[in-house]
């Protein structure tokens, strides 16, 4: 196995930073170029909110079916309720962190 080059051999010049939003995020740093394509931040948040909503709806449906006397195993209802609770807690924590980060940015001195 060949030895790794020293860290001093790697040089990145941030003066060549370019953001071209035409086909996703395209960053040019020196000679290296990084292209990030995929969903936007808003799309990721929206998809996450929809997944949380689906978990809660599934838990509600199972609980309603169990309460009406349908043949739904109690462990399945309990698992769905716990998954929905954890999903909601995670969504609230993400929201809190985003708000905290926004406030930090707004309070920065320029």
PDB file of N, CA and C in Angstrom:
ATOM      1  N   UNK A   1       0.839  -1.175   0.000  1.00  0.00           N
ATOM      2  CA  UNK A   1       0.000   0.000   0.000  1.00  0.00           C
ATOM      3  C   UNK A   1       0.888   1.243   0.000  1.00  0.00           C
ATOM      4  N   UNK A   2       0.680   2.179  -0.951  1.00  0.00           N
ATOM      5  CA  UNK A   2       1.537   3.370  -1.020  1.00  0.00           C
ATOM      6  C   UNK A   2       1.235   4.308   0.147  1.00  0.00           C
ATOM      7  N   UNK A   3       2.230   5.050   0.613  1.00  0.00           N
ATOM      8  CA  UNK A   3       1.991   5.972   1.727  1.00  0.00           C
ATOM      9  C   UNK A   3       1.093   7.122   1.295  1.00  0.00           C
ATOM     10  N   UNK A   4       0.350   7.663   2.250  1.00  0.00           N
ATOM     11  CA  UNK A   4      -0.527   8.794   1.978  1.00  0.00           C
ATOM     12  C   UNK A   4       0.286  10.073   1.877  1.00  0.00           C
ATOM     13  N   UNK A   5      -0.090  10.987   0.975  1.00  0.00           N
ATOM     14  CA  UNK A   5       0.636  12.250   0.886  1.00  0.00           C
ATOM     15  C   UNK A   5       0.358  13.096   2.130  1.00  0.00           C
ATOM     16  N   UNK A   6       1.289  13.945   2.517  1.00  0.00           N
ATOM     17  CA  UNK A   6       1.066  14.780   3.694  1.00  0.00           C
ATOM     18  C   UNK A   6      -0.048  15.784   3.454  1.00  0.00           C
ATOM     19  N   UNK A   7      -0.623  16.262   4.544  1.00  0.00           N
ATOM     20  CA  UNK A   7      -1.730  17.210   4.453  1.00  0.00           C
ATOM     21  C   UNK A   7      -1.294  18.492   3.756  1.00  0.00           C
ATOM     22  N   UNK A   8      -0.041  18.881   3.904  1.00  0.00           N
ATOM     23  CA  UNK A   8       0.438  20.111   3.274  1.00  0.00           C
ATOM     24  C   UNK A   8       0.416  20.013   1.747  1.00  0.00           C
ATOM     25  N   UNK A   9       0.343  18.795   1.211  1.00  0.00           N
ATOM     26  CA  UNK A   9       0.301  18.636  -0.237  1.00  0.00           C
ATOM     27  C   UNK A   9      -1.077  18.980  -0.797  1.00  0.00           C
ATOM     28  N   UNK A  10      -2.083  19.024   0.048  1.00  0.00           N
ATOM     29  CA  UNK A  10      -3.441  19.333  -0.382  1.00  0.00           C
ATOM     30  C   UNK A  10      -3.662  20.821  -0.186  1.00  0.00           C
ATOM     31  N   UNK A  11      -3.967  21.521  -1.258  1.00  0.00           N
ATOM     32  CA  UNK A  11      -4.215  22.958  -1.130  1.00  0.00           C
ATOM     33  C   UNK A  11      -5.534  23.296  -1.807  1.00  0.00           C
ATOM     34  N   UNK A  12      -6.401  23.916  -1.067  1.00  0.00           N
ATOM     35  CA  UNK A  12      -7.680  24.372  -1.602  1.00  0.00           C
ATOM     36  C   UNK A  12      -7.700  25.890  -1.540  1.00  0.00           C
ATOM     37  N   UNK A  13      -8.022  26.507  -2.630  1.00  0.00           N
ATOM     38  CA  UNK A  13      -8.126  27.948  -2.659  1.00  0.00           C
ATOM     39  C   UNK A  13      -9.605  28.311  -2.635  1.00  0.00           C
ATOM     40  N   UNK A  14     -10.031  28.981  -1.573  1.00  0.00           N
ATOM     41  CA  UNK A  14     -11.435  29.358  -1.457  1.00  0.00           C
ATOM     42  C   UNK A  14     -11.774  30.576  -2.298  1.00  0.00           C
ATOM     43  N   UNK A  15     -10.775  31.244  -2.847  1.00  0.00           N
ATOM     44  CA  UNK A  15     -11.057  32.404  -3.685  1.00  0.00           C
ATOM     45  C   UNK A  15     -11.729  31.993  -4.995  1.00  0.00           C
ATOM     46  N   UNK A  16     -11.615  30.733  -5.396  1.00  0.00           N
ATOM     47  CA  UNK A  16     -12.217  30.256  -6.632  1.00  0.00           C
ATOM     48  C   UNK A  16     -13.597  29.661  -6.430  1.00  0.00           C
ATOM     49  N   UNK A  17     -14.258  29.960  -5.313  1.00  0.00           N
ATOM     50  CA  UNK A  17     -15.565  29.397  -4.996  1.00  0.00           C
ATOM     51  C   UNK A  17     -16.617  29.980  -5.925  1.00  0.00           C
ATOM     52  N   UNK A  18     -17.369  29.098  -6.576  1.00  0.00           N
ATOM     53  CA  UNK A  18     -18.439  29.519  -7.471  1.00  0.00           C
ATOM     54  C   UNK A  18     -19.701  28.751  -7.132  1.00  0.00           C
ATOM     55  N   UNK A  19     -20.820  29.451  -7.097  1.00  0.00           N
ATOM     56  CA  UNK A  19     -22.099  28.793  -6.891  1.00  0.00           C
ATOM     57  C   UNK A  19     -22.939  29.035  -8.135  1.00  0.00           C
ATOM     58  N   UNK A  20     -23.263  27.963  -8.815  1.00  0.00           N
ATOM     59  CA  UNK A  20     -24.057  28.035 -10.033  1.00  0.00           C
ATOM     60  C   UNK A  20     -25.313  27.194  -9.842  1.00  0.00           C
ATOM     61  N   UNK A  21     -26.455  27.795  -9.512  1.00  0.00           N
ATOM     62  CA  UNK A  21     -27.647  27.018  -9.192  1.00  0.00           C
ATOM     63  C   UNK A  21     -28.410  26.475 -10.402  1.00  0.00           C
ATOM     64  N   UNK A  22     -27.822  26.478 -11.579  1.00  0.00           N
ATOM     65  CA  UNK A  22     -28.538  26.044 -12.779  1.00  0.00           C
ATOM     66  C   UNK A  22     -28.943  24.580 -12.716  1.00  0.00           C
ATOM     67  N   UNK A  23     -28.043  23.677 -12.361  1.00  0.00           N
ATOM     68  CA  UNK A  23     -28.359  22.254 -12.338  1.00  0.00           C
ATOM     69  C   UNK A  23     -28.054  21.670 -10.963  1.00  0.00           C
ATOM     70  N   UNK A  24     -28.581  22.285  -9.944  1.00  0.00           N
ATOM     71  CA  UNK A  24     -28.273  21.858  -8.585  1.00  0.00           C
ATOM     72  C   UNK A  24     -27.189  22.757  -8.039  1.00  0.00           C
ATOM     73  N   UNK A  25     -26.497  22.325  -7.057  1.00  0.00           N
ATOM     74  CA  UNK A  25     -25.426  23.100  -6.445  1.00  0.00           C
ATOM     75  C   UNK A  25     -24.111  22.671  -7.052  1.00  0.00           C
ATOM     76  N   UNK A  26     -23.386  23.616  -7.582  1.00  0.00           N
ATOM     77  CA  UNK A  26     -22.113  23.312  -8.222  1.00  0.00           C
ATOM     78  C   UNK A  26     -21.058  24.216  -7.608  1.00  0.00           C
ATOM     79  N   UNK A  27     -20.126  23.625  -6.891  1.00  0.00           N
ATOM     80  CA  UNK A  27     -19.085  24.392  -6.233  1.00  0.00           C
ATOM     81  C   UNK A  27     -17.757  24.115  -6.905  1.00  0.00           C
ATOM     82  N   UNK A  28     -17.070  25.162  -7.298  1.00  0.00           N
ATOM     83  CA  UNK A  28     -15.749  25.009  -7.863  1.00  0.00           C
ATOM     84  C   UNK A  28     -14.735  25.550  -6.868  1.00  0.00           C
ATOM     85  N   UNK A  29     -13.872  24.714  -6.362  1.00  0.00           N
ATOM     86  CA  UNK A  29     -12.868  25.120  -5.392  1.00  0.00           C
ATOM     87  C   UNK A  29     -11.505  24.790  -5.995  1.00  0.00           C
ATOM     88  N   UNK A  30     -10.784  25.817  -6.422  1.00  0.00           N
ATOM     89  CA  UNK A  30      -9.503  25.559  -7.077  1.00  0.00           C
ATOM     90  C   UNK A  30      -9.721  24.742  -8.332  1.00  0.00           C
ATOM     91  N   UNK A  31      -9.062  23.598  -8.411  1.00  0.00           N
ATOM     92  CA  UNK A  31      -9.233  22.710  -9.556  1.00  0.00           C
ATOM     93  C   UNK A  31     -10.310  21.658  -9.305  1.00  0.00           C
ATOM     94  N   UNK A  32     -10.696  21.486  -8.047  1.00  0.00           N
ATOM     95  CA  UNK A  32     -11.709  20.482  -7.726  1.00  0.00           C
ATOM     96  C   UNK A  32     -13.099  21.071  -7.950  1.00  0.00           C
ATOM     97  N   UNK A  33     -14.026  20.240  -8.345  1.00  0.00           N
ATOM     98  CA  UNK A  33     -15.400  20.680  -8.553  1.00  0.00           C
ATOM     99  C   UNK A  33     -16.339  19.680  -7.903  1.00  0.00           C
ATOM    100  N   UNK A  34     -17.271  20.195  -7.136  1.00  0.00           N
ATOM    101  CA  UNK A  34     -18.231  19.357  -6.437  1.00  0.00           C
ATOM    102  C   UNK A  34     -19.615  19.716  -6.955  1.00  0.00           C
ATOM    103  N   UNK A  35     -20.364  18.743  -7.384  1.00  0.00           N
ATOM    104  CA  UNK A  35     -21.726  18.977  -7.845  1.00  0.00           C
ATOM    105  C   UNK A  35     -22.675  18.189  -6.964  1.00  0.00           C
ATOM    106  N   UNK A  36     -23.617  18.884  -6.371  1.00  0.00           N
ATOM    107  CA  UNK A  36     -24.604  18.240  -5.516  1.00  0.00           C
ATOM    108  C   UNK A  36     -25.972  18.390  -6.163  1.00  0.00           C
ATOM    109  N   UNK A  37     -26.541  17.289  -6.565  1.00  0.00           N
ATOM    110  CA  UNK A  37     -27.880  17.314  -7.121  1.00  0.00           C
ATOM    111  C   UNK A  37     -28.780  16.508  -6.209  1.00  0.00           C
ATOM    112  N   UNK A  38     -30.034  16.753  -6.282  1.00  0.00           N
ATOM    113  CA  UNK A  38     -30.986  16.048  -5.441  1.00  0.00           C
ATOM    114  C   UNK A  38     -32.042  17.017  -4.951  1.00  0.00           C
ATOM    115  N   UNK A  39     -32.799  16.580  -3.979  1.00  0.00           N
ATOM    116  CA  UNK A  39     -33.886  17.434  -3.488  1.00  0.00           C
ATOM    117  C   UNK A  39     -33.349  18.652  -2.738  1.00  0.00           C
ATOM    118  N   UNK A  40     -34.124  19.719  -2.770  1.00  0.00           N
ATOM    119  CA  UNK A  40     -33.745  20.926  -2.046  1.00  0.00           C
ATOM    120  C   UNK A  40     -34.032  20.739  -0.554  1.00  0.00           C
ATOM    121  N   UNK A  41     -33.562  21.687   0.233  1.00  0.00           N
ATOM    122  CA  UNK A  41     -33.766  21.635   1.674  1.00  0.00           C
ATOM    123  C   UNK A  41     -35.256  21.672   2.009  1.00  0.00           C
ATOM    124  N   UNK A  42     -36.012  22.521   1.317  1.00  0.00           N
ATOM    125  CA  UNK A  42     -37.456  22.615   1.550  1.00  0.00           C
ATOM    126  C   UNK A  42     -38.155  21.301   1.202  1.00  0.00           C
ATOM    127  N   UNK A  43     -37.709  20.652   0.128  1.00  0.00           N
ATOM    128  CA  UNK A  43     -38.301  19.369  -0.251  1.00  0.00           C
ATOM    129  C   UNK A  43     -38.004  18.299   0.794  1.00  0.00           C
ATOM    130  N   UNK A  44     -36.787  18.309   1.347  1.00  0.00           N
ATOM    131  CA  UNK A  44     -36.449  17.353   2.403  1.00  0.00           C
ATOM    132  C   UNK A  44     -37.303  17.559   3.641  1.00  0.00           C
ATOM    133  N   UNK A  45     -37.492  18.826   4.030  1.00  0.00           N
ATOM    134  CA  UNK A  45     -38.336  19.109   5.195  1.00  0.00           C
ATOM    135  C   UNK A  45     -39.786  18.705   4.945  1.00  0.00           C
ATOM    136  N   UNK A  46     -40.272  18.987   3.737  1.00  0.00           N
ATOM    137  CA  UNK A  46     -41.647  18.614   3.396  1.00  0.00           C
ATOM    138  C   UNK A  46     -41.854  17.108   3.400  1.00  0.00           C
ATOM    139  N   UNK A  47     -40.886  16.379   2.851  1.00  0.00           N
ATOM    140  CA  UNK A  47     -40.988  14.920   2.826  1.00  0.00           C
ATOM    141  C   UNK A  47     -40.943  14.354   4.241  1.00  0.00           C
ATOM    142  N   UNK A  48     -40.109  14.934   5.092  1.00  0.00           N
ATOM    143  CA  UNK A  48     -40.047  14.491   6.488  1.00  0.00           C
ATOM    144  C   UNK A  48     -41.353  14.736   7.214  1.00  0.00           C
ATOM    145  N   UNK A  49     -41.958  15.900   6.967  1.00  0.00           N
ATOM    146  CA  UNK A  49     -43.242  16.214   7.600  1.00  0.00           C
ATOM    147  C   UNK A  49     -44.337  15.253   7.124  1.00  0.00           C
ATOM    148  N   UNK A  50     -44.293  14.896   5.849  1.00  0.00           N
ATOM    149  CA  UNK A  50     -45.283  13.947   5.325  1.00  0.00           C
ATOM    150  C   UNK A  50     -45.111  12.558   5.941  1.00  0.00           C
ATOM    151  N   UNK A  51     -43.849  12.143   6.173  1.00  0.00           N
ATOM    152  CA  UNK A  51     -43.608  10.836   6.807  1.00  0.00           C
ATOM    153  C   UNK A  51     -44.111  10.828   8.243  1.00  0.00           C
ATOM    154  N   UNK A  52     -43.910  11.938   8.961  1.00  0.00           N
ATOM    155  CA  UNK A  52     -44.416  12.027  10.334  1.00  0.00           C
ATOM    156  C   UNK A  52     -45.938  11.967  10.320  1.00  0.00           C
ATOM    157  N   UNK A  53     -46.531  12.697   9.398  1.00  0.00           N
ATOM    158  CA  UNK A  53     -47.984  12.701   9.276  1.00  0.00           C
ATOM    159  C   UNK A  53     -48.520  11.300   8.969  1.00  0.00           C
ATOM    160  N   UNK A  54     -47.825  10.563   8.111  1.00  0.00           N
ATOM    161  CA  UNK A  54     -48.239   9.202   7.763  1.00  0.00           C
ATOM    162  C   UNK A  54     -48.142   8.272   8.972  1.00  0.00           C
ATOM    163  N   UNK A  55     -47.076   8.413   9.773  1.00  0.00           N
ATOM    164  CA  UNK A  55     -46.924   7.583  10.978  1.00  0.00           C
ATOM    165  C   UNK A  55     -48.064   7.844  11.961  1.00  0.00           C
ATOM    166  N   UNK A  56     -48.402   9.128  12.154  1.00  0.00           N
ATOM    167  CA  UNK A  56     -49.487   9.478  13.074  1.00  0.00           C
ATOM    168  C   UNK A  56     -50.823   8.958  12.546  1.00  0.00           C
ATOM    169  N   UNK A  57     -51.058   9.094  11.254  1.00  0.00           N
ATOM    170  CA  UNK A  57     -52.311   8.612  10.667  1.00  0.00           C
ATOM    171  C   UNK A  57     -52.425   7.091  10.781  1.00  0.00           C
ATOM    172  N   UNK A  58     -51.309   6.390  10.569  1.00  0.00           N
ATOM    173  CA  UNK A  58     -51.316   4.925  10.699  1.00  0.00           C
ATOM    174  C   UNK A  58     -51.623   4.516  12.138  1.00  0.00           C
ATOM    175  N   UNK A  59     -50.997   5.200  13.091  1.00  0.00           N
ATOM    176  CA  UNK A  59     -51.249   4.884  14.506  1.00  0.00           C
ATOM    177  C   UNK A  59     -52.700   5.171  14.876  1.00  0.00           C
ATOM    178  N   UNK A  60     -53.253   6.273  14.384  1.00  0.00           N
ATOM    179  CA  UNK A  60     -54.655   6.606  14.652  1.00  0.00           C
ATOM    180  C   UNK A  60     -55.600   5.547  14.079  1.00  0.00           C
ATOM    181  N   UNK A  61     -55.313   5.109  12.851  1.00  0.00           N
ATOM    182  CA  UNK A  61     -56.163   4.110  12.208  1.00  0.00           C
ATOM    183  C   UNK A  61     -56.123   2.782  12.963  1.00  0.00           C
ATOM    184  N   UNK A  62     -54.925   2.366  13.380  1.00  0.00           N
ATOM    185  CA  UNK A  62     -54.810   1.114  14.134  1.00  0.00           C
ATOM    186  C   UNK A  62     -55.496   1.215  15.493  1.00  0.00           C
ATOM    187  N   UNK A  63     -55.349   2.344  16.155  1.00  0.00           N
ATOM    188  CA  UNK A  63     -55.990   2.538  17.453  1.00  0.00           C
ATOM    189  C   UNK A  63     -57.505   2.541  17.322  1.00  0.00           C
ATOM    190  N   UNK A  64     -58.014   3.183  16.289  1.00  0.00           N
ATOM    191  CA  UNK A  64     -59.463   3.204  16.053  1.00  0.00           C
ATOM    192  C   UNK A  64     -59.976   1.799  15.762  1.00  0.00           C
ATOM    193  N   UNK A  65     -59.244   1.051  14.931  1.00  0.00           N
ATOM    194  CA  UNK A  65     -59.657  -0.324  14.618  1.00  0.00           C
ATOM    195  C   UNK A  65     -59.630  -1.193  15.870  1.00  0.00           C
ATOM    196  N   UNK A  66     -58.618  -1.019  16.712  1.00  0.00           N
ATOM    197  CA  UNK A  66     -58.524  -1.784  17.956  1.00  0.00           C
ATOM    198  C   UNK A  66     -59.675  -1.430  18.899  1.00  0.00           C
ATOM    199  N   UNK A  67     -60.007  -0.139  18.987  1.00  0.00           N
ATOM    200  CA  UNK A  67     -61.092   0.308  19.868  1.00  0.00           C
ATOM    201  C   UNK A  67     -62.454  -0.188  19.377  1.00  0.00           C
ATOM    202  N   UNK A  68     -62.612  -0.374  18.094  1.00  0.00           N
ATOM    203  CA  UNK A  68     -63.876  -0.859  17.544  1.00  0.00           C
ATOM    204  C   UNK A  68     -63.996  -2.374  17.611  1.00  0.00           C
ATOM    205  N   UNK A  69     -62.977  -3.033  18.151  1.00  0.00           N
ATOM    206  CA  UNK A  69     -63.054  -4.462  18.351  1.00  0.00           C
ATOM    207  C   UNK A  69     -62.564  -5.315  17.195  1.00  0.00           C
ATOM    208  N   UNK A  70     -61.920  -4.703  16.230  1.00  0.00           N
ATOM    209  CA  UNK A  70     -61.378  -5.476  15.106  1.00  0.00           C
ATOM    210  C   UNK A  70     -60.185  -6.300  15.596  1.00  0.00           C
ATOM    211  N   UNK A  71     -59.814  -7.302  14.822  1.00  0.00           N
ATOM    212  CA  UNK A  71     -58.734  -8.206  15.204  1.00  0.00           C
ATOM    213  C   UNK A  71     -57.375  -7.580  14.892  1.00  0.00           C
ATOM    214  N   UNK A  72     -56.999  -6.604  15.694  1.00  0.00           N
ATOM    215  CA  UNK A  72     -55.695  -5.954  15.551  1.00  0.00           C
ATOM    216  C   UNK A  72     -54.885  -6.320  16.790  1.00  0.00           C
ATOM    217  N   UNK A  73     -53.716  -6.922  16.626  1.00  0.00           N
ATOM    218  CA  UNK A  73     -52.906  -7.289  17.794  1.00  0.00           C
ATOM    219  C   UNK A  73     -52.495  -6.047  18.591  1.00  0.00           C
ATOM    220  N   UNK A  74     -52.543  -6.165  19.904  1.00  0.00           N
ATOM    221  CA  UNK A  74     -52.228  -5.032  20.762  1.00  0.00           C
ATOM    222  C   UNK A  74     -50.768  -4.595  20.604  1.00  0.00           C
ATOM    223  N   UNK A  75     -49.876  -5.546  20.328  1.00  0.00           N
ATOM    224  CA  UNK A  75     -48.476  -5.157  20.155  1.00  0.00           C
ATOM    225  C   UNK A  75     -48.279  -4.316  18.902  1.00  0.00           C
ATOM    226  N   UNK A  76     -49.094  -4.554  17.874  1.00  0.00           N
ATOM    227  CA  UNK A  76     -48.995  -3.750  16.647  1.00  0.00           C
ATOM    228  C   UNK A  76     -49.468  -2.318  16.896  1.00  0.00           C
ATOM    229  N   UNK A  77     -50.528  -2.180  17.685  1.00  0.00           N
ATOM    230  CA  UNK A  77     -51.034  -0.846  18.040  1.00  0.00           C
ATOM    231  C   UNK A  77     -50.002  -0.105  18.881  1.00  0.00           C
ATOM    232  N   UNK A  78     -49.436  -0.791  19.848  1.00  0.00           N
ATOM    233  CA  UNK A  78     -48.438  -0.179  20.726  1.00  0.00           C
ATOM    234  C   UNK A  78     -47.213   0.255  19.932  1.00  0.00           C
ATOM    235  N   UNK A  79     -46.752  -0.590  19.029  1.00  0.00           N
ATOM    236  CA  UNK A  79     -45.593  -0.260  18.205  1.00  0.00           C
ATOM    237  C   UNK A  79     -45.875   0.950  17.316  1.00  0.00           C
ATOM    238  N   UNK A  80     -47.037   0.978  16.694  1.00  0.00           N
ATOM    239  CA  UNK A  80     -47.387   2.110  15.821  1.00  0.00           C
ATOM    240  C   UNK A  80     -47.490   3.404  16.622  1.00  0.00           C
ATOM    241  N   UNK A  81     -48.058   3.344  17.821  1.00  0.00           N
ATOM    242  CA  UNK A  81     -48.155   4.539  18.664  1.00  0.00           C
ATOM    243  C   UNK A  81     -46.769   5.033  19.086  1.00  0.00           C
ATOM    244  N   UNK A  82     -45.893   4.105  19.421  1.00  0.00           N
ATOM    245  CA  UNK A  82     -44.540   4.490  19.832  1.00  0.00           C
ATOM    246  C   UNK A  82     -43.754   5.077  18.664  1.00  0.00           C
ATOM    247  N   UNK A  83     -43.890   4.491  17.482  1.00  0.00           N
ATOM    248  CA  UNK A  83     -43.215   5.040  16.304  1.00  0.00           C
ATOM    249  C   UNK A  83     -43.726   6.448  15.989  1.00  0.00           C
ATOM    250  N   UNK A  84     -45.031   6.647  16.115  1.00  0.00           N
ATOM    251  CA  UNK A  84     -45.598   7.972  15.865  1.00  0.00           C
ATOM    252  C   UNK A  84     -45.092   8.980  16.898  1.00  0.00           C
ATOM    253  N   UNK A  85     -45.009   8.573  18.162  1.00  0.00           N
ATOM    254  CA  UNK A  85     -44.530   9.466  19.217  1.00  0.00           C
ATOM    255  C   UNK A  85     -43.080   9.867  18.965  1.00  0.00           C
ATOM    256  N   UNK A  86     -42.245   8.903  18.613  1.00  0.00           N
ATOM    257  CA  UNK A  86     -40.833   9.189  18.359  1.00  0.00           C
ATOM    258  C   UNK A  86     -40.689  10.085  17.125  1.00  0.00           C
ATOM    259  N   UNK A  87     -41.487   9.852  16.098  1.00  0.00           N
ATOM    260  CA  UNK A  87     -41.440  10.686  14.895  1.00  0.00           C
ATOM    261  C   UNK A  87     -41.807  12.134  15.207  1.00  0.00           C
ATOM    262  N   UNK A  88     -42.830  12.317  16.014  1.00  0.00           N
ATOM    263  CA  UNK A  88     -43.253  13.674  16.385  1.00  0.00           C
ATOM    264  C   UNK A  88     -42.179  14.345  17.241  1.00  0.00           C
ATOM    265  N   UNK A  89     -41.601  13.609  18.182  1.00  0.00           N
ATOM    266  CA  UNK A  89     -40.531  14.181  19.015  1.00  0.00           C
ATOM    267  C   UNK A  89     -39.342  14.605  18.159  1.00  0.00           C
ATOM    268  N   UNK A  90     -38.976  13.792  17.192  1.00  0.00           N
ATOM    269  CA  UNK A  90     -37.865  14.128  16.307  1.00  0.00           C
ATOM    270  C   UNK A  90     -38.191  15.370  15.488  1.00  0.00           C
ATOM    271  N   UNK A  91     -39.408  15.464  14.966  1.00  0.00           N
ATOM    272  CA  UNK A  91     -39.813  16.629  14.174  1.00  0.00           C
ATOM    273  C   UNK A  91     -39.768  17.901  15.027  1.00  0.00           C
ATOM    274  N   UNK A  92     -40.222  17.811  16.267  1.00  0.00           N
ATOM    275  CA  UNK A  92     -40.193  18.975  17.162  1.00  0.00           C
ATOM    276  C   UNK A  92     -38.754  19.370  17.471  1.00  0.00           C
ATOM    277  N   UNK A  93     -37.885  18.395  17.682  1.00  0.00           N
ATOM    278  CA  UNK A  93     -36.472  18.690  17.962  1.00  0.00           C
ATOM    279  C   UNK A  93     -35.803  19.343  16.752  1.00  0.00           C
ATOM    280  N   UNK A  94     -36.092  18.852  15.549  1.00  0.00           N
ATOM    281  CA  UNK A  94     -35.526  19.446  14.333  1.00  0.00           C
ATOM    282  C   UNK A  94     -36.019  20.880  14.189  1.00  0.00           C
ATOM    283  N   UNK A  95     -37.296  21.097  14.427  1.00  0.00           N
ATOM    284  CA  UNK A  95     -37.861  22.448  14.357  1.00  0.00           C
ATOM    285  C   UNK A  95     -37.174  23.372  15.351  1.00  0.00           C
ATOM    286  N   UNK A  96     -36.972  22.905  16.571  1.00  0.00           N
ATOM    287  CA  UNK A  96     -36.316  23.721  17.599  1.00  0.00           C
ATOM    288  C   UNK A  96     -34.887  24.074  17.196  1.00  0.00           C
ATOM    289  N   UNK A  97     -34.161  23.103  16.649  1.00  0.00           N
ATOM    290  CA  UNK A  97     -32.789  23.361  16.223  1.00  0.00           C
ATOM    291  C   UNK A  97     -32.738  24.345  15.060  1.00  0.00           C
ATOM    292  N   UNK A  98     -33.683  24.229  14.132  1.00  0.00           N
ATOM    293  CA  UNK A  98     -33.719  25.163  13.004  1.00  0.00           C
ATOM    294  C   UNK A  98     -34.006  26.585  13.479  1.00  0.00           C
ATOM    295  N   UNK A  99     -34.929  26.729  14.402  1.00  0.00           N
ATOM    296  CA  UNK A  99     -35.255  28.053  14.944  1.00  0.00           C
ATOM    297  C   UNK A  99     -34.060  28.617  15.708  1.00  0.00           C
ATOM    298  N   UNK A 100     -33.397  27.778  16.488  1.00  0.00           N
ATOM    299  CA  UNK A 100     -32.216  28.213  17.230  1.00  0.00           C
ATOM    300  C   UNK A 100     -31.105  28.670  16.277  1.00  0.00           C
ATOM    301  N   UNK A 101     -30.898  27.920  15.201  1.00  0.00           N
ATOM    302  CA  UNK A 101     -29.883  28.289  14.215  1.00  0.00           C
ATOM    303  C   UNK A 101     -30.244  29.582  13.514  1.00  0.00           C
ATOM    304  N   UNK A 102     -31.517  29.751  13.171  1.00  0.00           N
ATOM    305  CA  UNK A 102     -31.976  30.990  12.536  1.00  0.00           C
ATOM    306  C   UNK A 102     -31.722  32.172  13.459  1.00  0.00           C
ATOM    307  N   UNK A 103     -32.052  32.027  14.722  1.00  0.00           N
ATOM    308  CA  UNK A 103     -31.820  33.116  15.688  1.00  0.00           C
ATOM    309  C   UNK A 103     -30.337  33.419  15.825  1.00  0.00           C
ATOM    310  N   UNK A 104     -29.500  32.389  15.828  1.00  0.00           N
ATOM    311  CA  UNK A 104     -28.053  32.613  15.891  1.00  0.00           C
ATOM    312  C   UNK A 104     -27.566  33.410  14.686  1.00  0.00           C
ATOM    313  N   UNK A 105     -28.061  33.068  13.502  1.00  0.00           N
ATOM    314  CA  UNK A 105     -27.674  33.809  12.306  1.00  0.00           C
ATOM    315  C   UNK A 105     -28.152  35.259  12.367  1.00  0.00           C
ATOM    316  N   UNK A 106     -29.357  35.464  12.860  1.00  0.00           N
ATOM    317  CA  UNK A 106     -29.891  36.811  12.922  1.00  0.00           C
ATOM    318  C   UNK A 106     -29.150  37.678  13.941  1.00  0.00           C
ATOM    319  N   UNK A 107     -28.579  37.073  14.968  1.00  0.00           N
ATOM    320  CA  UNK A 107     -27.865  37.816  15.991  1.00  0.00           C
ATOM    321  C   UNK A 107     -26.379  38.001  15.705  1.00  0.00           C
ATOM    322  N   UNK A 108     -25.904  37.467  14.581  1.00  0.00           N
ATOM    323  CA  UNK A 108     -24.488  37.607  14.229  1.00  0.00           C
ATOM    324  C   UNK A 108     -24.171  39.058  13.891  1.00  0.00           C
ATOM    325  N   UNK A 109     -23.009  39.495  14.354  1.00  0.00           N
ATOM    326  CA  UNK A 109     -22.517  40.824  14.027  1.00  0.00           C
ATOM    327  C   UNK A 109     -21.743  40.770  12.716  1.00  0.00           C
ATOM    328  N   UNK A 110     -22.071  41.646  11.823  1.00  0.00           N
ATOM    329  CA  UNK A 110     -21.352  41.685  10.543  1.00  0.00           C
ATOM    330  C   UNK A 110     -20.307  42.761  10.529  1.00  0.00           C
TER     331      UNK A 110
END
